[in-house]
Protein backbone atom coordinates (compact mmCIF):
# COMPACT_ATOMS: atom_id res chain seq x y z
CA MET A 1 34.12 76.18 -47.83
CA THR A 2 35.51 75.38 -51.10
CA ASP A 3 38.32 73.00 -52.46
CA SER A 4 40.35 75.91 -52.66
CA GLY A 5 39.41 77.36 -49.20
CA CYS A 6 37.15 79.85 -47.65
CA ARG A 7 35.27 82.10 -49.97
CA VAL A 8 35.30 85.85 -48.85
CA ALA A 9 33.25 88.77 -49.86
CA LEU A 10 35.12 92.20 -49.39
CA LEU A 11 32.22 94.71 -49.58
CA LEU A 12 33.19 98.14 -50.60
CA LEU A 13 30.72 100.76 -50.17
CA GLU A 14 30.79 104.46 -51.12
CA GLN A 15 33.20 106.24 -48.84
CA VAL A 16 35.04 103.25 -47.88
CA VAL A 17 38.12 103.67 -45.32
CA LEU A 18 40.97 102.67 -47.44
CA HIS A 19 43.06 101.54 -44.39
CA ASP A 20 40.38 99.06 -43.39
CA VAL A 21 40.68 97.83 -47.12
CA GLY A 22 44.04 97.04 -47.01
CA SER A 23 43.97 95.08 -43.93
CA ALA A 24 41.43 92.88 -45.28
CA THR A 25 43.22 92.54 -48.34
CA GLN A 26 46.70 92.07 -46.74
CA VAL A 27 45.09 88.95 -44.76
CA PHE A 28 42.11 87.63 -46.99
CA GLY A 29 43.66 88.71 -50.52
CA PRO A 30 45.94 86.83 -53.03
CA ARG A 31 49.34 85.88 -51.56
CA VAL A 32 52.29 88.17 -53.25
CA SER A 33 54.94 86.06 -55.06
CA ARG A 34 57.01 85.67 -51.97
CA PRO A 35 57.43 82.34 -50.23
CA GLU A 36 57.70 83.82 -46.79
CA ARG A 37 54.13 84.86 -46.61
CA PRO A 38 51.86 81.63 -46.25
CA ASP A 39 49.21 80.84 -48.68
CA GLN A 40 46.14 80.89 -46.65
CA GLN A 41 43.75 79.47 -49.02
CA TYR A 42 40.98 82.52 -49.40
CA ALA A 43 39.38 82.93 -52.49
CA MET A 44 38.37 86.74 -52.28
CA THR A 45 35.90 88.85 -54.50
CA VAL A 46 35.46 92.56 -54.26
CA CYS A 47 32.00 93.48 -54.22
CA GLY A 48 29.81 96.33 -53.69
CA ALA A 49 26.22 97.73 -53.95
CA ARG A 50 27.10 97.44 -57.80
CA ARG A 51 29.52 96.84 -60.13
CA GLY A 52 32.16 99.69 -61.16
CA THR A 53 34.02 101.83 -58.79
CA VAL A 54 33.43 103.50 -54.98
CA MET A 55 35.18 106.69 -53.84
CA SER A 56 37.28 106.00 -50.59
CA THR A 57 37.59 108.51 -47.69
CA SER A 58 41.12 109.23 -48.98
CA GLY A 59 39.68 110.30 -52.54
CA ILE A 60 41.28 107.45 -54.02
CA ARG A 61 38.72 105.44 -56.39
CA LEU A 62 38.54 101.45 -56.05
CA SER A 63 37.37 98.96 -58.53
CA VAL A 64 34.51 96.67 -57.54
CA ASP A 65 34.28 93.71 -59.54
CA ALA A 66 30.91 92.37 -58.49
CA GLY A 67 27.47 93.24 -57.11
CA LEU A 68 25.74 91.98 -54.10
CA GLU A 69 25.17 88.60 -55.94
CA ALA A 70 28.75 87.67 -54.62
CA LEU A 71 27.31 87.65 -51.16
CA ALA A 72 24.93 84.74 -51.98
CA ASP A 73 27.59 82.19 -51.80
CA ALA A 74 30.52 83.56 -49.67
CA ASP A 75 31.72 81.88 -46.56
CA LEU A 76 32.96 85.20 -44.81
CA ILE A 77 31.84 88.62 -45.72
CA VAL A 78 34.08 91.32 -44.83
CA VAL A 79 32.74 95.09 -44.34
CA PRO A 80 35.40 97.95 -43.96
CA GLY A 81 34.37 100.95 -42.46
CA THR A 82 32.62 103.89 -44.12
CA LEU A 83 31.23 107.21 -43.34
CA PRO A 84 28.05 106.33 -41.49
CA ALA A 85 26.15 109.24 -43.19
CA ALA A 86 26.86 107.59 -46.47
CA ILE A 87 25.36 104.15 -46.20
CA ALA A 88 21.95 104.99 -44.57
CA ASP A 89 20.17 104.33 -47.89
CA GLU A 90 21.84 101.01 -48.63
CA HIS A 91 18.52 99.13 -48.21
CA ARG A 92 19.41 96.60 -51.21
CA THR A 93 22.89 95.93 -49.31
CA PHE A 94 20.99 95.68 -46.03
CA ALA A 95 18.62 92.85 -47.29
CA ALA A 96 21.39 91.13 -48.94
CA LEU A 97 23.49 90.72 -45.84
CA ARG A 98 20.74 89.60 -44.09
CA ALA A 99 19.90 86.78 -46.66
CA ALA A 100 23.66 86.02 -46.47
CA HIS A 101 24.00 85.74 -42.68
CA ALA A 102 20.48 83.69 -42.55
CA ARG A 103 21.76 80.94 -44.91
CA GLY A 104 24.93 80.64 -42.49
CA ALA A 105 27.84 83.18 -43.78
CA ARG A 106 29.65 84.50 -41.16
CA VAL A 107 29.84 88.48 -41.03
CA MET A 108 32.64 90.47 -39.96
CA SER A 109 32.93 94.60 -39.87
CA ILE A 110 36.14 96.78 -39.51
CA CYS A 111 36.14 100.26 -37.96
CA THR A 112 32.63 101.95 -38.92
CA GLY A 113 31.44 98.97 -40.80
CA ALA A 114 29.59 98.01 -37.74
CA PHE A 115 26.91 100.71 -38.86
CA VAL A 116 26.55 98.83 -41.95
CA LEU A 117 25.84 95.68 -40.01
CA ALA A 118 23.50 97.81 -37.48
CA HIS A 119 21.39 98.76 -40.37
CA ALA A 120 21.16 95.41 -41.49
CA GLY A 121 19.87 94.26 -37.99
CA LEU A 122 22.66 91.75 -37.73
CA LEU A 123 23.73 93.55 -34.34
CA ASP A 124 20.48 93.64 -32.47
CA GLY A 125 20.70 91.91 -29.22
CA ARG A 126 24.57 91.44 -29.31
CA ARG A 127 27.76 92.88 -28.23
CA ALA A 128 29.66 94.86 -30.50
CA THR A 129 32.29 97.49 -30.84
CA THR A 130 33.52 100.08 -33.41
CA HIS A 131 36.35 103.20 -33.63
CA TRP A 132 35.74 104.65 -30.19
CA GLY A 133 35.10 107.98 -31.79
CA TYR A 134 31.97 106.13 -33.11
CA CYS A 135 30.89 104.37 -30.32
CA ASP A 136 28.56 106.87 -28.81
CA GLU A 137 26.83 107.52 -31.97
CA LEU A 138 26.47 103.85 -32.66
CA ALA A 139 24.99 103.44 -29.27
CA ALA A 140 22.44 106.57 -29.83
CA ARG A 141 21.20 105.45 -33.11
CA PHE A 142 20.86 101.79 -32.51
CA PRO A 143 20.18 101.11 -28.89
CA GLN A 144 19.13 97.73 -29.37
CA VAL A 145 23.04 97.09 -30.00
CA ASP A 146 25.25 96.53 -26.80
CA VAL A 147 28.06 98.68 -27.70
CA ASP A 148 31.51 98.18 -26.02
CA PRO A 149 33.94 101.09 -26.47
CA GLY A 150 37.05 99.63 -24.59
CA VAL A 151 37.70 96.59 -26.64
CA LEU A 152 39.85 95.74 -29.89
CA TYR A 153 37.05 93.42 -31.35
CA VAL A 154 34.26 91.28 -30.58
CA ASP A 155 34.00 87.76 -31.76
CA ASP A 156 30.16 86.78 -31.34
CA GLY A 157 30.61 83.80 -33.41
CA ASP A 158 28.87 84.27 -36.81
CA VAL A 159 29.06 88.16 -36.34
CA LEU A 160 32.40 89.94 -35.59
CA THR A 161 33.11 93.63 -35.52
CA SER A 162 36.45 95.59 -34.75
CA ALA A 163 37.43 98.77 -33.53
CA GLY A 164 39.20 101.06 -35.96
CA LEU A 165 42.25 101.10 -38.42
CA THR A 166 44.95 98.81 -36.97
CA ALA A 167 42.22 96.76 -34.75
CA GLY A 168 40.71 95.58 -38.10
CA MET A 169 44.09 93.81 -38.93
CA ASP A 170 43.97 92.18 -35.38
CA LEU A 171 40.57 90.74 -36.03
CA CYS A 172 41.12 89.78 -39.58
CA LEU A 173 44.40 87.70 -38.15
CA HIS A 174 42.17 86.54 -35.49
CA VAL A 175 39.71 84.90 -37.72
CA LEU A 176 42.69 83.61 -39.91
CA ARG A 177 44.07 81.71 -36.76
CA GLN A 178 40.71 80.40 -36.12
CA GLN A 179 40.49 78.82 -39.58
CA PHE A 180 44.28 77.76 -40.57
CA GLY A 181 46.21 77.59 -37.31
CA PRO A 182 48.42 79.87 -35.46
CA ASP A 183 51.44 78.88 -37.80
CA THR A 184 49.65 80.41 -40.76
CA ALA A 185 48.25 83.43 -38.88
CA ASN A 186 51.85 83.95 -37.29
CA GLY A 187 53.50 83.90 -41.00
CA VAL A 188 50.72 86.40 -42.21
CA ALA A 189 51.49 88.71 -39.11
CA ARG A 190 55.03 88.50 -39.67
CA TRP A 191 54.96 89.48 -43.37
CA ASN A 192 52.80 92.28 -42.54
CA VAL A 193 55.24 93.40 -39.41
CA VAL A 194 52.46 93.51 -37.15
CA ALA A 195 52.04 91.82 -33.74
CA PRO A 196 50.91 88.35 -34.49
CA HIS A 197 48.06 87.90 -31.59
CA ARG A 198 46.17 90.86 -29.68
CA ASP A 199 43.44 89.53 -27.29
CA GLY A 200 40.19 91.23 -28.55
CA GLY A 201 39.46 92.40 -24.92
CA GLN A 202 42.68 94.69 -25.00
CA ALA A 203 41.88 98.76 -24.72
CA GLN A 204 41.44 100.37 -27.89
CA PHE A 205 43.82 103.26 -26.36
CA ILE A 206 46.01 104.33 -23.70
CA GLN A 207 45.13 107.30 -22.15
CA GLN A 208 48.90 107.93 -20.90
CA PRO A 209 51.15 109.61 -23.10
CA VAL A 210 53.97 107.12 -24.80
CA PRO A 211 57.24 107.70 -23.03
CA ARG A 212 60.02 109.81 -24.50
CA VAL A 213 63.04 107.93 -26.12
CA ALA A 214 65.22 109.55 -23.48
CA ASP A 215 63.00 108.14 -20.52
CA GLY A 216 63.72 104.77 -21.67
CA GLY A 217 61.34 102.17 -22.74
CA LEU A 218 60.69 98.67 -21.54
CA ALA A 219 60.36 96.65 -24.43
CA ALA A 220 63.27 94.50 -23.57
CA THR A 221 62.00 93.57 -20.31
CA ARG A 222 58.62 92.60 -21.63
CA ALA A 223 60.30 90.29 -24.46
CA TRP A 224 62.54 88.95 -21.27
CA ALA A 225 59.38 88.20 -19.69
CA GLN A 226 57.88 86.34 -22.53
CA GLU A 227 61.03 84.12 -22.78
CA HIS A 228 60.54 83.29 -19.11
CA LEU A 229 56.94 83.11 -18.71
CA GLN A 230 57.24 79.42 -17.34
CA GLU A 231 59.25 81.00 -14.31
CA PRO A 232 57.56 82.25 -11.17
CA LEU A 233 57.90 86.16 -12.49
CA ASP A 234 56.54 88.82 -10.26
CA VAL A 235 56.84 92.48 -10.38
CA ASP A 236 60.29 92.61 -8.47
CA ALA A 237 61.78 90.41 -10.93
CA LEU A 238 60.69 92.53 -13.71
CA ALA A 239 61.75 95.68 -12.17
CA ARG A 240 65.14 94.32 -11.30
CA HIS A 241 65.56 93.42 -14.90
CA ALA A 242 64.57 96.94 -15.80
CA HIS A 243 67.16 98.23 -13.38
CA MET A 244 64.25 100.16 -11.49
CA SER A 245 62.38 100.04 -8.32
CA GLU A 246 59.16 98.41 -8.25
CA ARG A 247 57.11 101.60 -7.75
CA THR A 248 58.96 103.74 -10.85
CA PHE A 249 58.74 100.38 -12.66
CA THR A 250 55.03 100.04 -12.27
CA ARG A 251 54.32 103.32 -13.09
CA ARG A 252 56.36 103.47 -16.53
CA PHE A 253 54.77 99.70 -17.37
CA ARG A 254 51.43 101.46 -17.16
CA ALA A 255 52.37 104.59 -19.13
CA GLU A 256 53.57 102.07 -21.98
CA THR A 257 51.04 99.42 -21.88
CA GLY A 258 48.16 100.95 -20.21
CA LEU A 259 48.21 97.69 -17.61
CA ALA A 260 49.64 97.03 -14.47
CA PRO A 261 52.33 94.40 -14.81
CA LYS A 262 50.46 91.77 -12.96
CA GLN A 263 47.75 92.28 -15.67
CA TRP A 264 50.13 92.18 -18.35
CA LEU A 265 51.86 88.81 -17.03
CA LEU A 266 48.54 87.32 -16.91
CA ALA A 267 47.33 88.19 -20.45
CA GLN A 268 50.88 86.84 -21.76
CA ARG A 269 50.18 83.48 -20.25
CA VAL A 270 46.79 82.98 -20.97
CA ALA A 271 48.24 83.66 -24.47
CA ARG A 272 51.16 81.25 -24.41
CA ALA A 273 48.44 78.75 -22.91
CA ARG A 274 46.30 79.35 -26.30
CA GLU A 275 49.35 78.71 -28.17
CA LEU A 276 50.11 75.58 -26.79
CA LEU A 277 46.33 74.36 -26.81
CA GLU A 278 46.22 75.08 -30.34
CA GLY A 279 49.38 73.98 -31.77
CA THR A 280 50.50 70.97 -29.52
CA ASP A 281 49.00 67.69 -27.62
CA LEU A 282 50.42 68.69 -24.22
CA PRO A 283 48.71 67.37 -21.46
CA ILE A 284 46.93 70.28 -19.68
CA GLU A 285 49.26 69.91 -16.51
CA ALA A 286 51.99 70.44 -18.98
CA VAL A 287 50.37 73.54 -20.82
CA ALA A 288 50.00 75.19 -17.18
CA THR A 289 53.78 74.65 -16.52
CA ALA A 290 54.72 75.73 -19.56
CA ALA A 291 52.95 79.13 -19.39
CA GLY A 292 53.76 79.85 -16.06
CA PHE A 293 50.45 78.95 -14.19
CA GLY A 294 51.92 76.25 -12.01
CA SER A 295 49.06 74.02 -11.70
CA ALA A 296 46.13 72.87 -13.98
CA ALA A 297 43.97 74.03 -11.53
CA ASN A 298 45.45 77.56 -11.76
CA LEU A 299 45.33 77.63 -15.44
CA ARG A 300 41.81 76.73 -15.68
CA LEU A 301 40.73 79.53 -13.35
CA HIS A 302 42.36 82.23 -15.33
CA PHE A 303 41.87 80.72 -18.62
CA GLN A 304 38.17 80.37 -18.36
CA ARG A 305 37.87 83.92 -16.84
CA ALA A 306 39.62 85.31 -19.82
CA THR A 307 38.21 83.48 -22.34
CA ALA A 308 34.81 82.20 -21.02
CA THR A 309 35.79 78.63 -21.57
CA ARG A 310 37.92 75.82 -20.25
CA PRO A 311 41.25 74.64 -21.73
CA THR A 312 40.13 71.50 -22.71
CA ALA A 313 36.82 72.87 -24.46
CA TYR A 314 39.00 75.61 -26.19
CA ARG A 315 41.27 73.14 -27.76
CA ALA A 316 38.45 71.10 -29.13
CA THR A 317 36.70 73.85 -30.53
CA PHE A 318 39.84 75.12 -32.18
CA ARG A 319 40.51 72.17 -33.83
CA ASP A 320 36.86 71.61 -35.00
CA ARG A 321 37.17 74.98 -36.69
CA ALA A 322 40.26 74.07 -38.24
CA ALA A 323 39.11 70.66 -39.52
CA VAL A 324 36.14 72.52 -40.85
CA ALA A 325 38.11 75.28 -42.54
CA ALA A 326 40.64 72.37 -44.15
CA ALA A 327 37.55 70.37 -45.33
């Protein structure tokens, strides 16, 4: 870290995916001149295999301000997606990524940027993801990588990967949240008109079609539930709010979210607990009550299943990372 914040290297290679570049820039790039968007203290350099320009998959050329030397002092390296066939011979880039990671840089990919990390050997023996349409190819070409096609992103500490397109924004906000706290992440998410937090374990896509407008959506019921998580909500209560039978409600809820109502409620309660652990000093028992778990023991059980860590350890880890980011 520097006094001005976290140094980010945005690595653009030939046939880069423009959407991924935009997501990273909206989170890690310079703040626009509007006070509503928080200043998240990133100093971003756009770099590539060489200075000049690269062609995006959209046919738009992008300027590259620096070469691979920019990776040498970056705290975070972001690799947007590319066409996998376009980067197979970028051996200098792969070596530079390995060197940067070895000295302590955190490295993350968006979408098919995972192929770049795999070529560099940074995903060997790790769980990783990419756009669901490329997961089979990634697994076949790099059998040493544990490819998970069913998640939005994977945070493996010093190496992070995301699924395609909008999942890249989810991962960027996740990193921002870790480094500068939920208030900053929520503010940037609000500016970008996206959900402030989607858990990495959420499914990449939902098989069921989105209901027709005439069928009526359940967004209002989900919003109501999020405002009443501290209450003993169950499927019957949600169905009554939606003025439906439990059977009809459950079917439509699955069609819209890909989850059973109980699964969704549990995920929302875990997310609320995370917010309270990150942003307050409430005792664990009070966090459990406010998030709707009823008891600290129940919170510990479900929180550890969802995050693989205990609430107290999560709070300590989050605050340690925030302190390092602020240093």
